[in-house]
C-alpha atoms as a PDB file:
ATOM      1  CA  UNK A   1     -33.796 -22.440  -0.766  1.00  0.00           C
ATOM      2  CA  UNK A   2     -34.028 -20.823   2.709  1.00  0.00           C
ATOM      3  CA  UNK A   3     -33.712 -22.135   6.378  1.00  0.00           C
ATOM      4  CA  UNK A   4     -35.380 -19.543   8.723  1.00  0.00           C
ATOM      5  CA  UNK A   5     -36.264 -22.280  11.616  1.00  0.00           C
ATOM      6  CA  UNK A   6     -33.140 -24.265  11.207  1.00  0.00           C
ATOM      7  CA  UNK A   7     -30.501 -21.304  11.249  1.00  0.00           C
ATOM      8  CA  UNK A   8     -32.998 -19.658  13.839  1.00  0.00           C
ATOM      9  CA  UNK A   9     -32.627 -22.841  16.160  1.00  0.00           C
ATOM     10  CA  UNK A  10     -29.295 -23.015  15.821  1.00  0.00           C
ATOM     11  CA  UNK A  11     -26.588 -21.140  18.533  1.00  0.00           C
ATOM     12  CA  UNK A  12     -24.192 -18.663  18.039  1.00  0.00           C
ATOM     13  CA  UNK A  13     -20.316 -19.721  16.977  1.00  0.00           C
ATOM     14  CA  UNK A  14     -17.737 -17.629  18.142  1.00  0.00           C
ATOM     15  CA  UNK A  15     -14.141 -18.109  16.807  1.00  0.00           C
ATOM     16  CA  UNK A  16     -11.320 -19.314  19.034  1.00  0.00           C
ATOM     17  CA  UNK A  17     -14.668 -20.807  21.822  1.00  0.00           C
ATOM     18  CA  UNK A  18     -15.688 -23.729  22.397  1.00  0.00           C
ATOM     19  CA  UNK A  19     -18.619 -25.139  20.001  1.00  0.00           C
ATOM     20  CA  UNK A  20     -21.693 -24.487  22.034  1.00  0.00           C
ATOM     21  CA  UNK A  21     -23.398 -27.457  19.518  1.00  0.00           C
ATOM     22  CA  UNK A  22     -22.130 -30.892  19.235  1.00  0.00           C
ATOM     23  CA  UNK A  23     -20.497 -31.981  15.211  1.00  0.00           C
ATOM     24  CA  UNK A  24     -22.612 -35.204  15.500  1.00  0.00           C
ATOM     25  CA  UNK A  25     -25.710 -33.799  16.408  1.00  0.00           C
ATOM     26  CA  UNK A  26     -25.416 -30.982  13.776  1.00  0.00           C
ATOM     27  CA  UNK A  27     -24.727 -33.087  11.017  1.00  0.00           C
ATOM     28  CA  UNK A  28     -27.657 -35.209  11.833  1.00  0.00           C
ATOM     29  CA  UNK A  29     -29.986 -32.358  12.057  1.00  0.00           C
ATOM     30  CA  UNK A  30     -28.950 -31.176   8.768  1.00  0.00           C
ATOM     31  CA  UNK A  31     -28.804 -34.738   7.392  1.00  0.00           C
ATOM     32  CA  UNK A  32     -32.849 -34.511   8.238  1.00  0.00           C
ATOM     33  CA  UNK A  33     -33.349 -31.020   6.726  1.00  0.00           C
ATOM     34  CA  UNK A  34     -31.367 -29.805   4.121  1.00  0.00           C
ATOM     35  CA  UNK A  35     -33.588 -30.240   0.622  1.00  0.00           C
ATOM     36  CA  UNK A  36     -31.299 -33.181  -1.488  1.00  0.00           C
ATOM     37  CA  UNK A  37     -29.851 -30.482  -3.882  1.00  0.00           C
ATOM     38  CA  UNK A  38     -28.159 -29.025  -0.704  1.00  0.00           C
ATOM     39  CA  UNK A  39     -26.881 -32.081   1.110  1.00  0.00           C
ATOM     40  CA  UNK A  40     -24.866 -33.130  -1.589  1.00  0.00           C
ATOM     41  CA  UNK A  41     -22.458 -30.270  -1.182  1.00  0.00           C
ATOM     42  CA  UNK A  42     -22.744 -30.800   2.294  1.00  0.00           C
ATOM     43  CA  UNK A  43     -21.595 -34.462   1.635  1.00  0.00           C
ATOM     44  CA  UNK A  44     -18.778 -32.874  -0.546  1.00  0.00           C
ATOM     45  CA  UNK A  45     -17.707 -30.222   2.711  1.00  0.00           C
ATOM     46  CA  UNK A  46     -17.265 -32.857   5.047  1.00  0.00           C
ATOM     47  CA  UNK A  47     -15.607 -35.609   2.632  1.00  0.00           C
ATOM     48  CA  UNK A  48     -11.650 -35.932   3.266  1.00  0.00           C
ATOM     49  CA  UNK A  49      -9.674 -33.565   0.691  1.00  0.00           C
ATOM     50  CA  UNK A  50      -7.961 -35.271  -1.908  1.00  0.00           C
ATOM     51  CA  UNK A  51      -7.276 -34.554  -5.751  1.00  0.00           C
ATOM     52  CA  UNK A  52     -11.211 -35.540  -6.579  1.00  0.00           C
ATOM     53  CA  UNK A  53     -12.804 -33.840  -4.205  1.00  0.00           C
ATOM     54  CA  UNK A  54     -10.841 -30.741  -4.967  1.00  0.00           C
ATOM     55  CA  UNK A  55     -11.617 -30.937  -8.170  1.00  0.00           C
ATOM     56  CA  UNK A  56     -15.620 -31.408  -7.677  1.00  0.00           C
ATOM     57  CA  UNK A  57     -15.325 -28.444  -5.267  1.00  0.00           C
ATOM     58  CA  UNK A  58     -14.176 -25.992  -7.527  1.00  0.00           C
ATOM     59  CA  UNK A  59     -16.172 -27.076 -10.393  1.00  0.00           C
ATOM     60  CA  UNK A  60     -19.511 -27.424  -8.229  1.00  0.00           C
ATOM     61  CA  UNK A  61     -22.807 -25.743  -9.540  1.00  0.00           C
ATOM     62  CA  UNK A  62     -22.904 -23.362  -6.206  1.00  0.00           C
ATOM     63  CA  UNK A  63     -20.732 -20.140  -6.063  1.00  0.00           C
ATOM     64  CA  UNK A  64     -19.986 -20.074  -1.628  1.00  0.00           C
ATOM     65  CA  UNK A  65     -18.553 -24.360  -2.567  1.00  0.00           C
ATOM     66  CA  UNK A  66     -16.289 -23.542  -5.548  1.00  0.00           C
ATOM     67  CA  UNK A  67     -14.996 -20.031  -3.548  1.00  0.00           C
ATOM     68  CA  UNK A  68     -14.830 -22.156  -0.399  1.00  0.00           C
ATOM     69  CA  UNK A  69     -12.132 -24.642  -2.200  1.00  0.00           C
ATOM     70  CA  UNK A  70     -10.319 -21.787  -4.121  1.00  0.00           C
ATOM     71  CA  UNK A  71      -9.884 -20.094  -1.219  1.00  0.00           C
ATOM     72  CA  UNK A  72      -8.379 -23.206   0.714  1.00  0.00           C
ATOM     73  CA  UNK A  73      -6.519 -24.316  -2.419  1.00  0.00           C
ATOM     74  CA  UNK A  74      -4.776 -20.988  -2.748  1.00  0.00           C
ATOM     75  CA  UNK A  75      -3.931 -20.826   0.974  1.00  0.00           C
ATOM     76  CA  UNK A  76      -3.001 -24.087   0.726  1.00  0.00           C
ATOM     77  CA  UNK A  77      -0.531 -23.430  -2.376  1.00  0.00           C
ATOM     78  CA  UNK A  78       1.022 -19.954  -0.749  1.00  0.00           C
ATOM     79  CA  UNK A  79       2.144 -22.593   2.457  1.00  0.00           C
ATOM     80  CA  UNK A  80       3.627 -24.871   0.060  1.00  0.00           C
ATOM     81  CA  UNK A  81       5.847 -22.781  -1.440  1.00  0.00           C
ATOM     82  CA  UNK A  82       7.020 -21.518   1.312  1.00  0.00           C
ATOM     83  CA  UNK A  83       7.652 -24.494   3.162  1.00  0.00           C
ATOM     84  CA  UNK A  84       9.502 -25.655  -0.634  1.00  0.00           C
ATOM     85  CA  UNK A  85      11.357 -22.912  -0.196  1.00  0.00           C
ATOM     86  CA  UNK A  86      12.592 -23.391   3.258  1.00  0.00           C
ATOM     87  CA  UNK A  87      13.206 -26.980   3.013  1.00  0.00           C
ATOM     88  CA  UNK A  88      14.883 -26.916  -0.976  1.00  0.00           C
ATOM     89  CA  UNK A  89      11.943 -28.602  -2.132  1.00  0.00           C
ATOM     90  CA  UNK A  90      10.765 -28.187  -5.984  1.00  0.00           C
ATOM     91  CA  UNK A  91       7.091 -26.485  -5.997  1.00  0.00           C
ATOM     92  CA  UNK A  92       6.326 -27.340  -9.196  1.00  0.00           C
ATOM     93  CA  UNK A  93       6.106 -30.627  -8.343  1.00  0.00           C
ATOM     94  CA  UNK A  94       3.928 -29.370  -4.963  1.00  0.00           C
ATOM     95  CA  UNK A  95       1.473 -26.357  -5.809  1.00  0.00           C
ATOM     96  CA  UNK A  96      -1.293 -27.754  -7.159  1.00  0.00           C
ATOM     97  CA  UNK A  97      -3.991 -26.582  -9.818  1.00  0.00           C
ATOM     98  CA  UNK A  98      -3.354 -24.256 -13.367  1.00  0.00           C
ATOM     99  CA  UNK A  99      -4.974 -21.527 -11.538  1.00  0.00           C
ATOM    100  CA  UNK A 100      -3.677 -18.001 -11.846  1.00  0.00           C
ATOM    101  CA  UNK A 101      -2.341 -17.974  -8.247  1.00  0.00           C
ATOM    102  CA  UNK A 102      -0.444 -21.542  -9.138  1.00  0.00           C
ATOM    103  CA  UNK A 103       1.134 -20.574 -12.287  1.00  0.00           C
ATOM    104  CA  UNK A 104       2.509 -17.072 -10.791  1.00  0.00           C
ATOM    105  CA  UNK A 105       3.864 -19.245  -7.445  1.00  0.00           C
ATOM    106  CA  UNK A 106       5.958 -21.962 -10.042  1.00  0.00           C
ATOM    107  CA  UNK A 107       6.642 -18.876 -12.527  1.00  0.00           C
ATOM    108  CA  UNK A 108       7.993 -16.930  -9.419  1.00  0.00           C
ATOM    109  CA  UNK A 109      10.163 -19.238  -6.928  1.00  0.00           C
ATOM    110  CA  UNK A 110      12.841 -17.133  -6.374  1.00  0.00           C
ATOM    111  CA  UNK A 111      11.281 -13.680  -5.466  1.00  0.00           C
ATOM    112  CA  UNK A 112      10.409 -13.152  -1.836  1.00  0.00           C
ATOM    113  CA  UNK A 113       6.744 -12.833  -2.579  1.00  0.00           C
ATOM    114  CA  UNK A 114       6.325 -14.797  -5.342  1.00  0.00           C
ATOM    115  CA  UNK A 115       4.935 -12.605  -7.226  1.00  0.00           C
ATOM    116  CA  UNK A 116       2.013 -12.438  -5.201  1.00  0.00           C
ATOM    117  CA  UNK A 117       2.191  -8.653  -5.203  1.00  0.00           C
ATOM    118  CA  UNK A 118       1.214  -8.334  -8.735  1.00  0.00           C
ATOM    119  CA  UNK A 119      -2.103 -10.227  -8.501  1.00  0.00           C
ATOM    120  CA  UNK A 120      -5.478  -9.029  -8.014  1.00  0.00           C
ATOM    121  CA  UNK A 121      -6.300  -9.802  -3.867  1.00  0.00           C
ATOM    122  CA  UNK A 122      -4.034  -9.207  -0.690  1.00  0.00           C
ATOM    123  CA  UNK A 123      -2.284 -12.434  -0.040  1.00  0.00           C
ATOM    124  CA  UNK A 124      -0.162 -10.613   2.835  1.00  0.00           C
ATOM    125  CA  UNK A 125      -2.096 -12.756   5.017  1.00  0.00           C
ATOM    126  CA  UNK A 126      -1.355 -16.442   3.472  1.00  0.00           C
ATOM    127  CA  UNK A 127       2.287 -14.857   3.006  1.00  0.00           C
ATOM    128  CA  UNK A 128       2.541 -14.134   7.011  1.00  0.00           C
ATOM    129  CA  UNK A 129       0.937 -17.380   8.056  1.00  0.00           C
ATOM    130  CA  UNK A 130       4.728 -18.738   7.123  1.00  0.00           C
ATOM    131  CA  UNK A 131       6.427 -16.462  10.190  1.00  0.00           C
ATOM    132  CA  UNK A 132       4.597 -17.878  12.941  1.00  0.00           C
ATOM    133  CA  UNK A 133       6.959 -20.643  13.973  1.00  0.00           C
ATOM    134  CA  UNK A 134       5.202 -21.983  16.567  1.00  0.00           C
ATOM    135  CA  UNK A 135       2.713 -25.276  13.984  1.00  0.00           C
ATOM    136  CA  UNK A 136      -0.582 -24.930  17.103  1.00  0.00           C
ATOM    137  CA  UNK A 137      -0.631 -21.474  16.388  1.00  0.00           C
ATOM    138  CA  UNK A 138      -0.266 -21.290  12.591  1.00  0.00           C
ATOM    139  CA  UNK A 139      -2.722 -23.844  12.339  1.00  0.00           C
ATOM    140  CA  UNK A 140      -5.084 -21.811  14.112  1.00  0.00           C
ATOM    141  CA  UNK A 141      -4.136 -18.381  12.388  1.00  0.00           C
ATOM    142  CA  UNK A 142      -5.132 -20.498   9.121  1.00  0.00           C
ATOM    143  CA  UNK A 143      -8.630 -21.178  10.768  1.00  0.00           C
ATOM    144  CA  UNK A 144      -8.879 -17.432  11.809  1.00  0.00           C
ATOM    145  CA  UNK A 145      -8.608 -16.435   8.344  1.00  0.00           C
ATOM    146  CA  UNK A 146     -11.192 -19.007   6.732  1.00  0.00           C
ATOM    147  CA  UNK A 147     -13.543 -18.328   9.985  1.00  0.00           C
ATOM    148  CA  UNK A 148     -13.045 -14.542   8.625  1.00  0.00           C
ATOM    149  CA  UNK A 149     -13.867 -15.173   5.167  1.00  0.00           C
ATOM    150  CA  UNK A 150     -16.774 -17.214   6.486  1.00  0.00           C
ATOM    151  CA  UNK A 151     -18.467 -14.569   8.029  1.00  0.00           C
ATOM    152  CA  UNK A 152     -17.658 -12.268   5.697  1.00  0.00           C
ATOM    153  CA  UNK A 153     -19.114 -13.947   2.856  1.00  0.00           C
ATOM    154  CA  UNK A 154     -22.113 -15.022   4.516  1.00  0.00           C
ATOM    155  CA  UNK A 155     -22.835 -10.997   6.195  1.00  0.00           C
ATOM    156  CA  UNK A 156     -25.681 -10.656   4.024  1.00  0.00           C
ATOM    157  CA  UNK A 157     -26.713 -14.124   3.280  1.00  0.00           C
ATOM    158  CA  UNK A 158     -29.893 -14.612   5.941  1.00  0.00           C
ATOM    159  CA  UNK A 159     -31.150 -18.006   6.502  1.00  0.00           C
ATOM    160  CA  UNK A 160     -29.628 -18.847   3.075  1.00  0.00           C
ATOM    161  CA  UNK A 161     -28.189 -22.291   1.711  1.00  0.00           C
ATOM    162  CA  UNK A 162     -24.526 -20.601   1.973  1.00  0.00           C
ATOM    163  CA  UNK A 163     -25.448 -19.634   5.689  1.00  0.00           C
ATOM    164  CA  UNK A 164     -26.147 -23.499   6.778  1.00  0.00           C
ATOM    165  CA  UNK A 165     -22.815 -24.392   4.463  1.00  0.00           C
ATOM    166  CA  UNK A 166     -20.812 -21.753   6.384  1.00  0.00           C
ATOM    167  CA  UNK A 167     -22.059 -22.378   9.934  1.00  0.00           C
ATOM    168  CA  UNK A 168     -20.960 -26.441   9.695  1.00  0.00           C
ATOM    169  CA  UNK A 169     -17.563 -25.104   8.298  1.00  0.00           C
ATOM    170  CA  UNK A 170     -17.407 -22.917  11.317  1.00  0.00           C
ATOM    171  CA  UNK A 171     -18.526 -25.872  13.889  1.00  0.00           C
ATOM    172  CA  UNK A 172     -16.292 -28.388  12.088  1.00  0.00           C
ATOM    173  CA  UNK A 173     -12.996 -25.871  13.068  1.00  0.00           C
ATOM    174  CA  UNK A 174     -14.234 -25.189  16.741  1.00  0.00           C
ATOM    175  CA  UNK A 175     -14.448 -29.101  16.914  1.00  0.00           C
ATOM    176  CA  UNK A 176     -11.278 -29.620  15.592  1.00  0.00           C
ATOM    177  CA  UNK A 177      -9.500 -27.528  17.980  1.00  0.00           C
ATOM    178  CA  UNK A 178     -11.160 -28.454  20.708  1.00  0.00           C
ATOM    179  CA  UNK A 179      -9.694 -32.058  20.457  1.00  0.00           C
ATOM    180  CA  UNK A 180      -5.987 -31.453  18.981  1.00  0.00           C
ATOM    181  CA  UNK A 181      -3.332 -31.371  20.847  1.00  0.00           C
ATOM    182  CA  UNK A 182       0.014 -29.661  20.353  1.00  0.00           C
ATOM    183  CA  UNK A 183       1.190 -33.200  19.824  1.00  0.00           C
ATOM    184  CA  UNK A 184      -0.953 -34.237  17.392  1.00  0.00           C
ATOM    185  CA  UNK A 185       0.048 -30.525  15.258  1.00  0.00           C
ATOM    186  CA  UNK A 186       3.414 -31.605  15.523  1.00  0.00           C
ATOM    187  CA  UNK A 187       2.566 -34.521  13.912  1.00  0.00           C
ATOM    188  CA  UNK A 188       0.579 -33.686  11.310  1.00  0.00           C
ATOM    189  CA  UNK A 189       3.624 -30.964   9.659  1.00  0.00           C
ATOM    190  CA  UNK A 190       6.443 -33.824  10.312  1.00  0.00           C
ATOM    191  CA  UNK A 191       3.919 -35.481   8.115  1.00  0.00           C
ATOM    192  CA  UNK A 192       3.773 -32.857   6.120  1.00  0.00           C
ATOM    193  CA  UNK A 193       7.860 -32.650   5.656  1.00  0.00           C
ATOM    194  CA  UNK A 194       8.273 -36.726   5.048  1.00  0.00           C
ATOM    195  CA  UNK A 195       5.932 -36.646   2.737  1.00  0.00           C
ATOM    196  CA  UNK A 196       7.437 -33.766   0.569  1.00  0.00           C
ATOM    197  CA  UNK A 197      10.865 -35.276   0.654  1.00  0.00           C
ATOM    198  CA  UNK A 198       9.557 -38.283  -0.640  1.00  0.00           C
ATOM    199  CA  UNK A 199       8.233 -36.798  -3.587  1.00  0.00           C
ATOM    200  CA  UNK A 200       4.401 -37.720  -2.578  1.00  0.00           C
ATOM    201  CA  UNK A 201       1.602 -34.688  -4.365  1.00  0.00           C
ATOM    202  CA  UNK A 202       0.513 -32.650  -1.874  1.00  0.00           C
ATOM    203  CA  UNK A 203      -3.352 -32.674  -3.229  1.00  0.00           C
ATOM    204  CA  UNK A 204      -4.787 -30.047  -1.300  1.00  0.00           C
END
């Protein structure tokens, strides 16, 4: 299904800029305009990330949805592996999934690049994220990669359902950064490390 009129009426979103659209109004508009078969994926995208949501996303019939969840899983796993190495945690217990990237990370915990250089695809950008000391800058760099992925992934999907999903996800990121303070960003990271110390398995 295509959404020419919906997308044509939405303002352009730019990475690093304030969102020109209210997230609340955007969600109301999408709830009204999307077909039921597409709205179920929107509901999945805005659901809290946990083991169930991740599983549903990775098994979705829509390829864009599957790829989005897989990309975020891989990025998160690479970051978790680096945090585990830095703090002396067992990454085998923290890395999520049974996919190729996850298995490579577990099997090559002692290697500098975790063996990722032997896999097809460019994981250098994910590895470089761990070198960013400032926590807020690191989180923004992660969102910048996500934003770029969305832009590239939907470059030729004019007025498609996937374009609607990408627009929504971009709007969410811009909205989140307009609200997040340095203190809140540091709090999220501290909680992440504390959970790992307690042996809590990270689900996403």
